Amino acid sequence: MSKVSVTEKLSNLQRHQRNIKTIEYVKRAVEGIIHSLETSQYSRYDMVNFIDLQKYIKTVGPVSYIMQQCVKNCSMSTEQVLQQCMQHWSKTYEAIQKTIEEKFETKDNIIKHLKTNLALVNYAKLLIDQEGAKIKQSFSEKSEEVVEYLEYFSDGHVSSRMVVSSKLSTLTSWYPKGAFKHFFSVENGKLHGCQLSWYPNGQLMYKKFYTTGTLNEDFTWYSNGKPKSTKTRDCKNNTVESFYWYESGSLKRSETINELSKEITVSGWYENGMRESKKHLINGKFEEEQIQWWDDGKLMIREFYKDGKREGQKLVWRKNGQLSSKRFFKEGEMEGDQTWLRENGQIYAKGFYKDGKCCKQDCRD
């Protein structure tokens, strides 16, 4: 068997994708008309649909075209299928004309022809799917051919270079003045290996490492060269750790994700280095203790969650350190005694809640 070039493989794949869309369109159209005839009153509108479909098939010839283009490389015989297909399309069109002349008295005859047509369309789709499987398999076959595609700026300098092979493909692009802009590599249709991007000043913007489409490491930088973020995957412990920095260089946030238990621990810092928050989530829902601080280190909020809902005591402090409110929750709703305080520490509102509703006066929403 002679080797098929990469260029030809890509061309076959594009043609296969177009054929799939066309045959599925015809299939849906025929199924829709059959359903309309079998379940609703026969009308002039249905006749218009029939004629439009026949005009489409007669003008574009999608069935015969697809059969000729897709079946020719299969081992199955094509002449008989094509002949049957066109014969039944012709009979259907004749049946439509006859029903118009006979005032829609041969509805069942049209349905019969249409169902035969649908069977042929399904057969054509099967052959197309078989060809598609062959095309996809051809991409995994060894080939020494490498195809290069180049694009240029108006001044003649290369703007991008794509190198395509049966296994590994790469794309490199440049800024107008010649500095690197991007580098990507794809293996078997998935990102693989090192992916790079640069700022116009030449500073590296990000560096990512993929293994067959899975991101394992991700490093980003600000245009001034200082780190912006890092993300690393520990396959042994099934965890992903991420760190984010302010442009000034101080740590902004850290995240640890356990991909098995779906637990996420998030810690945040202000740009001055003071702790900003500590959060814990499971399956995307807040769980256990959650804390927030003011930028001077004083507590702002301390609360607890269970299954994504507030549970237990919630305390809120003002920036001056004075307690602002003391509340209790059950399954996300306020429950029991609730207290709100002024800046001087005096109580200015109290209430007793049941199932989230105030049961006594002097309550606050």
Protein backbone atom coordinates (compact mmCIF):
# COMPACT_ATOMS: atom_id res chain seq x y z
CA MET A 1 0.00 0.00 0.00
CA SER A 2 1.44 3.36 -1.04
CA LYS A 3 1.86 6.02 1.61
CA VAL A 4 -0.56 8.92 1.61
CA SER A 5 1.02 12.36 2.01
CA VAL A 6 0.18 14.54 4.99
CA THR A 7 -1.30 17.16 2.67
CA GLU A 8 -3.60 14.57 1.12
CA LYS A 9 -4.60 13.27 4.55
CA LEU A 10 -5.63 16.76 5.65
CA SER A 11 -7.57 17.25 2.41
CA ASN A 12 -9.37 13.92 2.87
CA LEU A 13 -10.25 14.82 6.44
CA GLN A 14 -11.74 18.19 5.43
CA ARG A 15 -13.76 16.54 2.64
CA HIS A 16 -15.00 13.86 5.04
CA GLN A 17 -16.19 16.50 7.53
CA ARG A 18 -18.11 18.33 4.76
CA ASN A 19 -19.69 15.07 3.59
CA ILE A 20 -20.80 14.19 7.11
CA LYS A 21 -22.56 17.55 7.49
CA THR A 22 -24.29 17.18 4.10
CA ILE A 23 -25.52 13.62 4.58
CA GLU A 24 -26.79 14.41 8.09
CA TYR A 25 -28.71 17.40 6.68
CA VAL A 26 -30.40 15.19 4.07
CA LYS A 27 -31.11 12.50 6.69
CA ARG A 28 -32.78 14.97 9.06
CA ALA A 29 -34.80 16.50 6.23
CA VAL A 30 -36.16 13.14 5.05
CA GLU A 31 -36.91 12.01 8.62
CA GLY A 32 -38.72 15.28 9.28
CA ILE A 33 -40.98 14.95 6.25
CA ILE A 34 -41.79 11.31 7.02
CA HIS A 35 -42.70 12.27 10.59
CA SER A 36 -44.81 15.18 9.36
CA LEU A 37 -46.74 12.96 6.95
CA GLU A 38 -47.31 10.18 9.48
CA THR A 39 -48.37 12.34 12.43
CA SER A 40 -50.11 15.40 10.99
CA GLN A 41 -52.76 16.39 8.48
CA TYR A 42 -51.55 16.29 4.88
CA SER A 43 -51.44 19.83 3.55
CA ARG A 44 -50.13 22.05 0.79
CA TYR A 45 -47.37 23.18 3.17
CA ASP A 46 -46.06 19.60 3.34
CA MET A 47 -46.05 19.50 -0.44
CA VAL A 48 -43.90 22.63 -0.52
CA ASN A 49 -41.45 20.92 1.82
CA PHE A 50 -41.33 17.92 -0.48
CA ILE A 51 -40.69 20.00 -3.57
CA ASP A 52 -38.02 22.08 -1.81
CA LEU A 53 -36.23 18.92 -0.72
CA GLN A 54 -36.37 17.43 -4.19
CA LYS A 55 -35.08 20.67 -5.73
CA TYR A 56 -32.21 20.67 -3.24
CA ILE A 57 -31.31 17.08 -4.05
CA LYS A 58 -31.72 17.60 -7.78
CA THR A 59 -29.66 20.80 -7.84
CA VAL A 60 -26.85 19.95 -5.44
CA GLY A 61 -27.01 16.19 -5.78
CA PRO A 62 -25.64 15.57 -2.28
CA VAL A 63 -26.52 11.88 -2.18
CA SER A 64 -25.01 10.96 -5.51
CA TYR A 65 -22.02 13.27 -4.92
CA ILE A 66 -21.32 11.81 -1.50
CA MET A 67 -21.68 8.25 -2.77
CA GLN A 68 -19.29 8.93 -5.64
CA GLN A 69 -16.71 10.70 -3.48
CA CYS A 70 -16.82 8.58 -0.32
CA VAL A 71 -17.72 5.09 -1.44
CA LYS A 72 -15.08 4.88 -4.18
CA ASN A 73 -12.29 4.09 -1.69
CA CYS A 74 -14.28 1.41 0.12
CA SER A 75 -14.32 -2.26 -0.74
CA MET A 76 -18.10 -2.28 -1.25
CA SER A 77 -19.61 -1.99 -4.71
CA THR A 78 -20.88 1.46 -5.60
CA GLU A 79 -22.68 1.13 -8.96
CA GLN A 80 -25.73 -0.70 -7.65
CA VAL A 81 -26.13 1.58 -4.64
CA LEU A 82 -25.92 4.72 -6.76
CA GLN A 83 -28.37 3.36 -9.29
CA GLN A 84 -30.90 2.38 -6.60
CA CYS A 85 -30.49 5.69 -4.86
CA MET A 86 -31.17 7.82 -7.92
CA GLN A 87 -34.03 5.57 -9.04
CA HIS A 88 -35.84 6.02 -5.74
CA TRP A 89 -35.26 9.77 -5.67
CA SER A 90 -36.80 9.90 -9.14
CA LYS A 91 -39.77 7.77 -8.09
CA THR A 92 -40.36 9.96 -5.05
CA TYR A 93 -40.37 13.10 -7.17
CA GLU A 94 -42.82 11.48 -9.61
CA ALA A 95 -45.04 10.41 -6.70
CA ILE A 96 -45.13 13.99 -5.43
CA GLN A 97 -46.24 15.28 -8.82
CA LYS A 98 -48.88 12.58 -9.00
CA THR A 99 -50.28 13.39 -5.56
CA ILE A 100 -50.59 17.03 -6.50
CA GLU A 101 -52.55 16.08 -9.60
CA GLU A 102 -54.67 13.57 -7.71
CA LYS A 103 -55.28 15.88 -4.73
CA PHE A 104 -53.02 14.10 -2.23
CA GLU A 105 -54.63 10.66 -2.58
CA THR A 106 -51.36 8.69 -2.62
CA LYS A 107 -49.78 9.84 0.64
CA ASP A 108 -48.74 6.29 1.63
CA ASN A 109 -46.95 5.87 -1.70
CA ILE A 110 -44.75 8.90 -0.96
CA ILE A 111 -43.97 7.66 2.56
CA LYS A 112 -42.98 4.29 1.11
CA HIS A 113 -40.52 5.88 -1.32
CA LEU A 114 -39.18 8.22 1.34
CA LYS A 115 -38.45 5.37 3.74
CA THR A 116 -36.56 3.59 0.98
CA ASN A 117 -34.65 6.80 0.35
CA LEU A 118 -33.90 7.08 4.08
CA ALA A 119 -32.50 3.55 4.10
CA LEU A 120 -30.17 4.48 1.25
CA VAL A 121 -29.12 7.68 3.01
CA ASN A 122 -28.35 5.67 6.16
CA TYR A 123 -26.31 3.27 4.05
CA ALA A 124 -24.41 6.19 2.53
CA LYS A 125 -23.75 7.54 6.04
CA LEU A 126 -22.40 4.15 7.09
CA LEU A 127 -19.97 4.16 4.19
CA ILE A 128 -18.91 7.73 5.00
CA ASP A 129 -18.26 6.73 8.63
CA GLN A 130 -16.14 3.83 7.39
CA GLU A 131 -14.11 6.16 5.22
CA GLY A 132 -13.72 8.56 8.16
CA ALA A 133 -12.32 5.74 10.29
CA LYS A 134 -9.76 5.00 7.57
CA ILE A 135 -8.77 8.67 7.35
CA LYS A 136 -8.30 8.96 11.12
CA GLN A 137 -6.29 5.74 11.15
CA SER A 138 -4.03 7.11 8.43
CA PHE A 139 -2.94 9.90 10.78
CA SER A 140 -1.48 7.33 13.17
CA GLU A 141 0.53 5.62 10.42
CA LYS A 142 4.22 6.39 10.29
CA SER A 143 5.22 8.95 7.69
CA GLU A 144 8.50 10.69 7.13
CA GLU A 145 6.92 13.55 5.20
CA VAL A 146 6.91 16.97 6.81
CA VAL A 147 4.86 19.85 5.38
CA GLU A 148 5.79 23.45 6.13
CA TYR A 149 3.41 26.42 5.93
CA LEU A 150 4.71 29.99 6.11
CA GLU A 151 2.88 33.32 6.51
CA TYR A 152 4.47 36.73 6.03
CA PHE A 153 4.09 40.34 7.14
CA SER A 154 3.67 43.00 4.46
CA ASP A 155 7.40 43.79 4.71
CA GLY A 156 8.32 40.22 3.75
CA HIS A 157 9.35 38.98 7.19
CA VAL A 158 7.92 35.66 8.36
CA SER A 159 4.98 36.07 10.76
CA SER A 160 4.33 32.37 11.44
CA ARG A 161 5.70 28.95 10.57
CA MET A 162 3.68 25.76 10.87
CA VAL A 163 5.36 22.38 10.52
CA VAL A 164 2.89 19.50 10.09
CA SER A 165 3.67 15.79 10.20
CA SER A 166 1.60 12.67 10.81
CA LYS A 167 2.42 12.73 14.53
CA LEU A 168 3.89 16.00 15.81
CA SER A 169 3.01 19.49 14.56
CA THR A 170 4.45 22.82 15.70
CA LEU A 171 3.50 26.46 15.25
CA THR A 172 5.94 29.33 15.75
CA SER A 173 4.95 32.98 15.38
CA TRP A 174 6.82 36.30 15.59
CA TYR A 175 6.11 39.96 16.28
CA PRO A 176 6.63 42.40 13.35
CA LYS A 177 10.13 43.33 14.53
CA GLY A 178 11.27 39.72 14.68
CA ALA A 179 10.83 38.89 18.37
CA PHE A 180 9.25 35.54 19.23
CA LYS A 181 5.52 35.63 19.99
CA HIS A 182 4.26 32.03 20.39
CA PHE A 183 5.42 28.44 20.14
CA PHE A 184 2.95 25.53 20.28
CA SER A 185 3.35 21.81 19.72
CA VAL A 186 0.58 19.29 19.07
CA GLU A 187 0.85 15.50 19.04
CA ASN A 188 -2.00 13.38 17.70
CA GLY A 189 -4.37 16.34 17.89
CA LYS A 190 -3.56 17.28 21.52
CA LEU A 191 -1.23 19.83 23.06
CA HIS A 192 1.99 18.09 24.01
CA GLY A 193 5.32 19.25 25.34
CA CYS A 194 6.39 22.83 25.96
CA GLN A 195 4.13 25.76 24.96
CA LEU A 196 5.63 29.26 25.07
CA SER A 197 4.48 32.86 24.66
CA TRP A 198 6.43 36.14 24.87
CA TYR A 199 5.71 39.84 25.41
CA PRO A 200 6.74 42.25 22.61
CA ASN A 201 9.74 43.31 24.75
CA GLY A 202 11.09 39.75 24.63
CA GLN A 203 10.12 38.84 28.20
CA LEU A 204 8.59 35.38 28.54
CA MET A 205 4.84 35.61 29.20
CA TYR A 206 4.12 31.96 29.98
CA LYS A 207 5.61 28.48 29.78
CA LYS A 208 3.29 25.48 29.89
CA PHE A 209 4.02 21.76 29.80
CA TYR A 210 1.41 19.31 28.48
CA THR A 211 1.29 15.54 28.26
CA THR A 212 -1.17 14.42 25.57
CA GLY A 213 -3.54 17.29 26.35
CA THR A 214 -3.16 17.30 30.15
CA LEU A 215 -1.61 20.43 31.67
CA ASN A 216 1.12 19.45 34.15
CA GLU A 217 2.99 22.72 34.71
CA ASP A 218 2.05 26.34 34.04
CA PHE A 219 4.33 29.33 34.70
CA THR A 220 3.46 32.96 33.89
CA TRP A 221 5.34 36.24 34.26
CA TYR A 222 4.56 39.95 34.21
CA SER A 223 6.13 42.04 31.44
CA ASN A 224 8.69 43.30 33.98
CA GLY A 225 9.98 39.73 34.43
CA LYS A 226 8.55 39.11 37.88
CA PRO A 227 6.55 35.89 38.40
CA LYS A 228 2.79 36.12 38.01
CA SER A 229 1.65 32.55 38.67
CA THR A 230 2.78 28.93 38.84
CA LYS A 231 0.77 25.73 38.62
CA THR A 232 2.26 22.28 39.13
CA ARG A 233 0.67 18.85 39.13
CA ASP A 234 1.81 16.10 41.51
CA CYS A 235 0.62 12.92 39.77
CA LYS A 236 1.71 10.72 42.69
CA ASN A 237 -0.49 12.55 45.22
CA ASN A 238 -3.15 13.66 42.67
CA THR A 239 -2.79 17.29 43.70
CA VAL A 240 -2.42 20.57 41.82
CA GLU A 241 -0.71 23.50 43.54
CA SER A 242 -1.01 27.08 42.27
CA PHE A 243 0.59 30.33 43.44
CA TYR A 244 -0.20 33.87 42.30
CA TRP A 245 1.80 37.07 42.88
CA TYR A 246 1.18 40.81 42.70
CA GLU A 247 3.23 42.68 40.10
CA SER A 248 5.25 44.10 42.98
CA GLY A 249 6.45 40.57 43.74
CA SER A 250 4.52 39.82 46.95
CA LEU A 251 2.41 36.65 47.17
CA LYS A 252 -1.28 37.16 46.36
CA ARG A 253 -2.96 33.73 46.55
CA SER A 254 -2.22 30.03 46.89
CA GLU A 255 -4.45 27.10 45.94
CA THR A 256 -4.15 23.38 46.58
CA ILE A 257 -6.55 21.05 44.76
CA ASN A 258 -6.91 17.35 45.51
CA GLU A 259 -8.28 15.86 42.30
CA LEU A 260 -9.51 12.69 44.05
CA SER A 261 -11.32 14.16 47.07
CA LYS A 262 -12.23 17.39 45.19
CA GLU A 263 -10.95 19.40 48.16
CA ILE A 264 -9.64 22.92 47.55
CA THR A 265 -7.72 25.04 50.04
CA VAL A 266 -7.31 28.72 49.15
CA SER A 267 -5.24 31.30 51.02
CA GLY A 268 -5.02 34.99 50.13
CA TRP A 269 -2.68 37.85 51.07
CA TYR A 270 -2.79 41.63 50.75
CA GLU A 271 -0.05 43.29 48.77
CA ASN A 272 1.52 44.47 52.04
CA GLY A 273 2.06 40.81 52.99
CA MET A 274 -0.73 40.54 55.57
CA ARG A 275 -3.04 37.52 55.41
CA GLU A 276 -6.32 38.27 53.60
CA SER A 277 -8.34 35.04 53.67
CA LYS A 278 -8.41 31.29 54.26
CA LYS A 279 -11.05 29.19 52.49
CA HIS A 280 -11.81 25.50 52.23
CA LEU A 281 -14.09 23.92 49.60
CA ILE A 282 -15.23 20.42 48.67
CA ASN A 283 -16.88 19.80 45.29
CA GLY A 284 -17.03 23.55 44.75
CA LYS A 285 -18.89 24.23 48.02
CA PHE A 286 -17.59 26.02 51.10
CA GLU A 287 -16.83 23.61 53.92
CA GLU A 288 -15.66 24.01 57.54
CA GLU A 289 -14.00 27.21 58.81
CA GLN A 290 -13.68 30.30 56.56
CA ILE A 291 -11.71 33.34 57.72
CA GLN A 292 -11.10 36.86 56.37
CA TRP A 293 -8.75 39.52 57.78
CA TRP A 294 -8.39 43.27 57.40
CA ASP A 295 -5.19 44.51 55.74
CA ASP A 296 -3.68 45.31 59.15
CA GLY A 297 -4.02 41.70 60.37
CA LYS A 298 -7.16 42.13 62.45
CA LEU A 299 -10.00 39.62 62.00
CA MET A 300 -12.86 40.64 59.70
CA ILE A 301 -15.07 37.53 59.42
CA ARG A 302 -14.99 34.06 60.96
CA GLU A 303 -17.70 31.60 59.99
CA PHE A 304 -18.38 27.91 59.41
CA TYR A 305 -19.97 25.97 56.56
CA LYS A 306 -21.41 22.50 56.03
CA ASP A 307 -22.30 21.23 52.54
CA GLY A 308 -22.01 24.78 51.18
CA LYS A 309 -24.35 26.32 53.77
CA ARG A 310 -23.53 28.42 56.82
CA GLU A 311 -23.62 26.34 59.98
CA GLY A 312 -22.96 27.57 63.51
CA GLN A 313 -21.54 30.87 64.66
CA LYS A 314 -20.58 33.77 62.39
CA LEU A 315 -18.60 36.67 63.84
CA VAL A 316 -17.93 39.97 62.03
CA TRP A 317 -15.49 42.65 63.23
CA ARG A 318 -15.00 46.25 62.18
CA LYS A 319 -11.58 47.45 61.06
CA ASN A 320 -10.97 49.01 64.49
CA GLY A 321 -11.25 45.55 66.04
CA GLN A 322 -14.70 46.02 67.58
CA LEU A 323 -17.21 43.20 67.15
CA SER A 324 -19.90 44.20 64.64
CA SER A 325 -22.26 41.21 64.78
CA LYS A 326 -22.67 37.81 66.34
CA ARG A 327 -25.01 35.47 64.52
CA PHE A 328 -25.89 31.79 64.41
CA PHE A 329 -26.93 29.70 61.42
CA LYS A 330 -28.48 26.34 60.73
CA GLU A 331 -28.47 24.91 57.19
CA GLY A 332 -27.83 28.36 55.75
CA GLU A 333 -30.59 30.18 57.66
CA MET A 334 -30.28 32.37 60.77
CA GLU A 335 -31.25 30.39 63.84
CA GLY A 336 -31.46 31.41 67.51
CA ASP A 337 -30.16 34.62 69.12
CA GLN A 338 -28.64 37.23 66.79
CA THR A 339 -26.82 40.35 67.94
CA TRP A 340 -25.62 43.53 66.18
CA LEU A 341 -23.35 46.08 67.89
CA ARG A 342 -22.29 49.70 67.41
CA GLU A 343 -18.68 50.84 67.08
CA ASN A 344 -18.55 51.62 70.81
CA GLY A 345 -19.54 48.04 71.62
CA GLN A 346 -23.13 48.78 72.64
CA ILE A 347 -25.88 46.48 71.36
CA TYR A 348 -28.27 48.27 69.00
CA ALA A 349 -30.29 45.31 67.66
CA LYS A 350 -31.12 41.81 68.85
CA GLY A 351 -33.44 39.16 67.62
CA PHE A 352 -34.43 35.55 67.86
CA TYR A 353 -34.75 33.65 64.58
CA LYS A 354 -36.38 30.37 63.64
CA ASP A 355 -35.87 28.85 60.18
CA GLY A 356 -34.49 32.16 58.97
CA LYS A 357 -37.45 34.21 60.18
CA CYS A 358 -37.48 36.68 63.07
CA CYS A 359 -39.73 35.55 65.91
CA LYS A 360 -39.24 38.63 68.13
CA GLN A 361 -39.17 42.39 67.63
CA ASP A 362 -36.02 44.48 67.18
CA CYS A 363 -34.87 42.15 64.42
CA ARG A 364 -32.69 43.13 61.52
CA ASP A 365 -32.67 41.70 57.99
